[in-house]
Amino acid sequence: MPKYLTRDQIDHFKEFGYLCPVDVISEDEAGRILRQLEAAEKRYPDQIHAEDRNNLHYVLPCLDNLIRHPRVLDAIEDLIGPDILAWTTTLFAKEPRSTGFVSWHQDSAYWGIEPREGITAWFALTHANEESGCMKVLPGTHKDDVRPHSDTFGDDNLLTRGQNIEGINEAETVLMPLRPGQMSLHHVRTIHGSMPNRADYRRVGLSVQAYFNPEAHQTLGSDHAVLMRGTDPNKHFLPGHRPAAEMDAEAVAFRTAANQRTADILYAGAEKRRGF
């Protein structure tokens, strides 16, 4: 028996490569986490900003707790089984009326993680809808291999390399709107992207890239992952870290080193390197 998802939801994910929305916490709880996050941004501007937005779960307990919430892990377990690792997290904050966007891509294209299986979760801390630039997916593309990507390094592109898949028919894509406290799930080979925020409020979400089982291994270098549930008999990744308190010194040092390792992997073979 599934732990949290319905059989229809599981079948939908297997067929189309995405699931949205999935309830995790209340809007009030999401608002509390958002306030904690934004307070931390103000207190630690040198540690949390547009070019330093990766792996904040290593230094902020509120985000560490969110990505291991029992409803989240129950849903992931329903899709990949009881042994669950998490690789990295990224804060996606689109300012009001801003030009930042995410081009069409597949998550696993540059990760170096094999096999190319796993689930990316996107947690909404504010409303994410068409106006504010919510995610779109191209259903069923998880059944294909990774398509060719080109590195654009576009100034407004929120991806590391501005990686892009050309020739996407947007009429075939599906919007994934979320209220605060909900998440979407998509397979790491599902093609997806998002448009700029045209709304008058800041659109904030946290992405876990990705949850996978312990058979996964890194082919481009050594890197960290956190055991979220179950066991990790293979130990292909260096162990992750849980913060004892907000921005404690050990956690900050760990995150700095982990971000360097991850960046080395994401930019492997790239013609240039950006600050994120």
Protein backbone atom coordinates (compact mmCIF):
# COMPACT_ATOMS: atom_id res chain seq x y z
CA MET A 1 0.00 0.00 0.00
CA PRO A 2 1.24 3.51 -0.81
CA LYS A 3 2.24 5.62 2.20
CA TYR A 4 0.95 9.01 1.01
CA LEU A 5 0.20 9.21 -2.69
CA THR A 6 -2.89 7.64 -4.23
CA ARG A 7 -2.57 4.89 -6.80
CA ASP A 8 -3.83 7.34 -9.45
CA GLN A 9 -1.09 9.81 -8.53
CA ILE A 10 1.57 7.13 -8.75
CA ASP A 11 0.26 5.96 -12.12
CA HIS A 12 0.17 9.56 -13.37
CA PHE A 13 3.79 10.13 -12.41
CA LYS A 14 4.90 6.92 -14.09
CA GLU A 15 3.02 7.80 -17.28
CA PHE A 16 3.71 11.52 -17.58
CA GLY A 17 6.84 12.12 -15.48
CA TYR A 18 5.41 14.74 -13.16
CA LEU A 19 2.93 15.24 -10.33
CA CYS A 20 1.38 18.51 -9.20
CA PRO A 21 0.22 19.62 -6.73
CA VAL A 22 1.18 17.55 -3.69
CA ASP A 23 0.16 18.94 -0.31
CA VAL A 24 2.99 19.10 2.25
CA ILE A 25 2.33 21.84 4.82
CA SER A 26 -0.22 24.59 5.39
CA GLU A 27 0.05 28.07 3.91
CA ASP A 28 0.67 29.42 7.42
CA GLU A 29 3.58 27.01 7.91
CA ALA A 30 5.00 27.95 4.52
CA GLY A 31 4.73 31.62 5.47
CA ARG A 32 6.65 30.97 8.68
CA ILE A 33 9.47 29.26 6.76
CA LEU A 34 9.51 32.11 4.24
CA ARG A 35 9.88 34.67 7.02
CA GLN A 36 12.74 32.68 8.54
CA LEU A 37 14.45 32.43 5.15
CA GLU A 38 14.07 36.12 4.34
CA ALA A 39 15.28 37.11 7.80
CA ALA A 40 18.37 34.97 7.22
CA GLU A 41 18.90 36.65 3.85
CA LYS A 42 19.01 40.02 5.61
CA ARG A 43 21.27 38.79 8.42
CA TYR A 44 23.72 36.97 6.16
CA PRO A 45 23.78 38.83 2.81
CA ASP A 46 27.27 37.52 2.06
CA GLN A 47 26.07 33.91 2.46
CA ILE A 48 22.62 34.05 0.82
CA HIS A 49 22.17 36.01 -2.40
CA ALA A 50 21.40 35.52 -6.09
CA GLU A 51 24.79 33.92 -6.79
CA ASP A 52 24.97 31.93 -3.56
CA ARG A 53 21.69 30.06 -3.36
CA ASN A 54 22.73 26.43 -3.37
CA ASN A 55 22.57 23.92 -0.50
CA LEU A 56 20.96 26.24 2.02
CA HIS A 57 19.55 23.17 3.76
CA TYR A 58 23.08 22.67 5.14
CA VAL A 59 22.89 25.95 7.09
CA LEU A 60 19.18 26.67 7.69
CA PRO A 61 17.30 24.16 9.88
CA CYS A 62 13.94 25.40 8.58
CA LEU A 63 14.86 24.20 5.06
CA ASP A 64 16.52 21.01 6.30
CA ASN A 65 13.30 20.15 8.12
CA LEU A 66 11.17 20.97 5.07
CA ILE A 67 12.98 18.69 2.64
CA ARG A 68 12.77 15.75 5.08
CA HIS A 69 9.13 16.37 6.12
CA PRO A 70 7.40 12.98 6.59
CA ARG A 71 4.82 13.73 3.88
CA VAL A 72 7.60 14.55 1.44
CA LEU A 73 9.55 11.39 2.15
CA ASP A 74 6.41 9.25 2.15
CA ALA A 75 5.57 10.56 -1.32
CA ILE A 76 9.11 9.96 -2.56
CA GLU A 77 9.10 6.47 -1.06
CA ASP A 78 5.88 5.70 -2.92
CA LEU A 79 7.77 6.41 -6.16
CA ILE A 80 11.32 5.14 -5.64
CA GLY A 81 11.28 2.91 -2.56
CA PRO A 82 12.31 3.17 1.11
CA ASP A 83 16.01 4.06 0.74
CA ILE A 84 16.27 7.76 -0.13
CA LEU A 85 19.23 10.08 -0.70
CA ALA A 86 19.05 13.82 -1.45
CA TRP A 87 21.78 15.50 -3.49
CA THR A 88 21.55 19.32 -3.64
CA THR A 89 19.04 22.12 -3.07
CA THR A 90 18.63 25.41 -4.91
CA LEU A 91 16.68 28.50 -3.88
CA PHE A 92 14.73 29.93 -6.80
CA ALA A 93 13.61 33.48 -5.97
CA LYS A 94 12.18 35.60 -8.76
CA GLU A 95 11.82 39.23 -7.77
CA PRO A 96 8.61 41.12 -8.64
CA ARG A 97 8.38 42.13 -12.28
CA SER A 98 11.81 40.65 -13.00
CA THR A 99 13.25 39.09 -16.14
CA GLY A 100 14.76 35.90 -14.71
CA PHE A 101 13.62 32.65 -16.31
CA VAL A 102 14.58 28.98 -16.53
CA SER A 103 15.14 27.64 -20.05
CA TRP A 104 13.89 24.26 -21.27
CA HIS A 105 16.13 21.56 -19.90
CA GLN A 106 16.41 18.15 -18.26
CA ASP A 107 17.86 18.14 -14.75
CA SER A 108 20.09 15.11 -15.24
CA ALA A 109 21.87 16.49 -18.32
CA TYR A 110 24.87 17.92 -16.43
CA TRP A 111 24.76 16.17 -13.08
CA GLY A 112 27.06 13.26 -13.78
CA ILE A 113 24.77 11.00 -11.75
CA GLU A 114 24.06 7.54 -13.11
CA PRO A 115 21.65 5.99 -13.66
CA ARG A 116 19.66 9.02 -14.77
CA GLU A 117 16.79 8.21 -12.46
CA GLY A 118 15.41 10.22 -9.56
CA ILE A 119 12.87 12.84 -8.61
CA THR A 120 13.21 16.60 -8.33
CA ALA A 121 10.89 18.24 -5.80
CA TRP A 122 9.98 21.95 -5.98
CA PHE A 123 8.53 23.47 -2.78
CA ALA A 124 6.46 26.64 -3.03
CA LEU A 125 6.92 29.18 -0.23
CA THR A 126 4.79 31.74 -2.08
CA HIS A 127 2.10 31.37 -4.72
CA ALA A 128 3.58 30.09 -7.97
CA ASN A 129 1.27 30.50 -10.94
CA GLU A 130 1.40 31.47 -14.60
CA GLU A 131 1.72 35.17 -13.82
CA SER A 132 4.56 34.69 -11.33
CA GLY A 133 6.44 32.25 -13.53
CA CYS A 134 5.57 28.78 -12.25
CA MET A 135 7.15 25.70 -13.74
CA LYS A 136 6.01 24.12 -16.98
CA VAL A 137 6.70 20.53 -18.02
CA LEU A 138 6.59 18.57 -21.26
CA PRO A 139 4.73 15.40 -20.24
CA GLY A 140 6.15 12.01 -21.09
CA THR A 141 9.68 13.16 -21.89
CA HIS A 142 11.06 11.18 -18.95
CA LYS A 143 10.62 8.10 -21.12
CA ASP A 144 13.29 9.37 -23.52
CA ASP A 145 17.03 9.74 -23.11
CA VAL A 146 18.63 13.11 -22.37
CA ARG A 147 18.35 15.42 -25.37
CA PRO A 148 21.12 17.70 -26.67
CA HIS A 149 21.50 20.93 -24.65
CA SER A 150 23.31 24.10 -25.63
CA ASP A 151 24.99 26.38 -23.10
CA THR A 152 23.73 29.94 -23.49
CA PHE A 153 25.01 31.60 -20.30
CA GLY A 154 22.17 34.10 -20.77
CA ASP A 155 22.18 36.98 -18.29
CA ASP A 156 18.56 36.39 -17.27
CA ASN A 157 18.77 32.60 -17.29
CA LEU A 158 18.72 31.23 -13.74
CA LEU A 159 20.45 27.97 -14.66
CA THR A 160 24.19 27.57 -14.08
CA ARG A 161 25.15 27.30 -17.74
CA GLY A 162 21.92 28.65 -19.19
CA GLN A 163 21.47 25.18 -20.68
CA ASN A 164 18.69 25.00 -23.23
CA ILE A 165 16.85 22.44 -25.40
CA GLU A 166 15.73 23.96 -28.67
CA GLY A 167 12.56 23.22 -30.63
CA ILE A 168 10.13 22.71 -27.74
CA ASN A 169 6.47 23.01 -28.75
CA GLU A 170 5.09 25.06 -25.86
CA ALA A 171 1.53 24.18 -26.83
CA GLU A 172 2.28 20.67 -25.57
CA THR A 173 3.58 21.84 -22.18
CA VAL A 174 1.62 21.84 -18.91
CA LEU A 175 1.64 24.48 -16.18
CA MET A 176 2.34 23.37 -12.60
CA PRO A 177 0.82 26.06 -10.34
CA LEU A 178 1.29 25.73 -6.58
CA ARG A 179 0.03 27.41 -3.44
CA PRO A 180 2.42 28.01 -0.55
CA GLY A 181 3.07 24.70 1.21
CA GLN A 182 2.60 22.49 -1.83
CA MET A 183 5.25 20.80 -3.94
CA SER A 184 5.55 19.48 -7.45
CA LEU A 185 7.52 16.38 -8.40
CA HIS A 186 9.14 15.58 -11.72
CA HIS A 187 11.43 12.91 -13.05
CA VAL A 188 15.01 14.07 -13.61
CA ARG A 189 14.64 13.44 -17.36
CA THR A 190 11.36 15.36 -17.70
CA ILE A 191 11.81 18.50 -19.80
CA HIS A 192 10.75 21.63 -17.92
CA GLY A 193 11.33 25.36 -17.54
CA SER A 194 9.68 28.54 -16.29
CA MET A 195 9.02 32.08 -17.46
CA PRO A 196 9.73 35.46 -15.77
CA ASN A 197 7.75 36.72 -12.79
CA ARG A 198 5.26 39.31 -14.02
CA ALA A 199 3.50 39.52 -10.64
CA ASP A 200 3.91 42.25 -8.02
CA TYR A 201 5.21 39.83 -5.37
CA ARG A 202 8.40 37.85 -4.97
CA ARG A 203 8.01 34.24 -6.11
CA VAL A 204 10.06 31.95 -3.87
CA GLY A 205 10.59 28.20 -4.05
CA LEU A 206 13.14 25.60 -3.01
CA SER A 207 14.16 22.79 -5.31
CA VAL A 208 15.65 19.47 -4.20
CA GLN A 209 17.74 18.14 -7.07
CA ALA A 210 17.13 15.32 -6.52
CA TYR A 211 15.88 12.45 -4.42
CA PHE A 212 17.25 9.12 -5.59
CA ASN A 213 18.00 5.65 -4.28
CA PRO A 214 21.47 4.42 -3.25
CA GLU A 215 22.27 2.74 -6.55
CA ALA A 216 22.97 6.24 -7.92
CA HIS A 217 26.62 7.24 -8.21
CA GLN A 218 28.57 10.30 -9.32
CA THR A 219 30.72 9.97 -12.45
CA LEU A 220 32.31 13.46 -12.57
CA GLY A 221 33.93 13.66 -9.13
CA SER A 222 33.27 13.13 -5.45
CA ASP A 223 30.25 14.89 -3.99
CA HIS A 224 27.91 14.90 -1.01
CA ALA A 225 24.43 13.50 -0.49
CA VAL A 226 22.23 13.23 2.60
CA LEU A 227 20.61 9.95 3.63
CA MET A 228 17.00 10.99 4.22
CA ARG A 229 15.42 7.62 4.98
CA GLY A 230 16.34 3.94 5.03
CA THR A 231 19.88 2.70 4.44
CA ASP A 232 22.72 3.45 2.05
CA PRO A 233 24.67 0.21 1.63
CA ASN A 234 26.64 1.47 -1.39
CA LYS A 235 27.95 4.77 0.06
CA HIS A 236 28.76 6.20 -3.35
CA PHE A 237 28.53 9.75 -1.95
CA LEU A 238 30.27 11.58 0.86
CA PRO A 239 27.90 12.02 3.82
CA GLY A 240 25.91 15.23 4.01
CA HIS A 241 25.44 17.47 7.03
CA ARG A 242 22.55 18.61 9.21
CA PRO A 243 22.80 22.10 10.76
CA ALA A 244 22.81 22.26 14.55
CA ALA A 245 21.66 25.88 14.40
CA GLU A 246 21.14 28.59 11.82
CA MET A 247 24.44 29.41 10.11
CA ASP A 248 26.59 27.71 12.73
CA ALA A 249 30.27 27.87 11.81
CA GLU A 250 30.67 24.16 11.08
CA ALA A 251 27.65 24.18 8.80
CA VAL A 252 28.82 27.26 6.90
CA ALA A 253 32.24 25.72 6.28
CA PHE A 254 30.66 22.44 5.17
CA ARG A 255 28.31 24.22 2.75
CA THR A 256 31.15 26.25 1.24
CA ALA A 257 33.13 23.10 0.49
CA ALA A 258 30.06 21.23 -0.76
CA ASN A 259 29.11 24.08 -3.11
CA GLN A 260 32.61 24.04 -4.59
CA ARG A 261 32.39 20.30 -5.25
CA THR A 262 28.95 20.65 -6.84
CA ALA A 263 29.99 23.61 -8.99
CA ASP A 264 33.00 21.70 -10.28
CA ILE A 265 30.61 18.97 -11.42
CA LEU A 266 27.94 21.25 -12.93
CA TYR A 267 30.51 23.25 -14.91
CA ALA A 268 32.55 20.26 -16.06
CA GLY A 269 33.52 20.87 -19.68
CA ALA A 270 31.91 24.32 -19.83
CA GLU A 271 33.55 27.13 -21.81
CA LYS A 272 33.13 29.53 -18.88
CA ARG A 273 31.87 29.59 -15.30
CA ARG A 274 29.44 31.88 -13.57
CA GLY A 275 29.10 32.65 -9.88
CA PHE A 276 26.34 30.10 -9.27
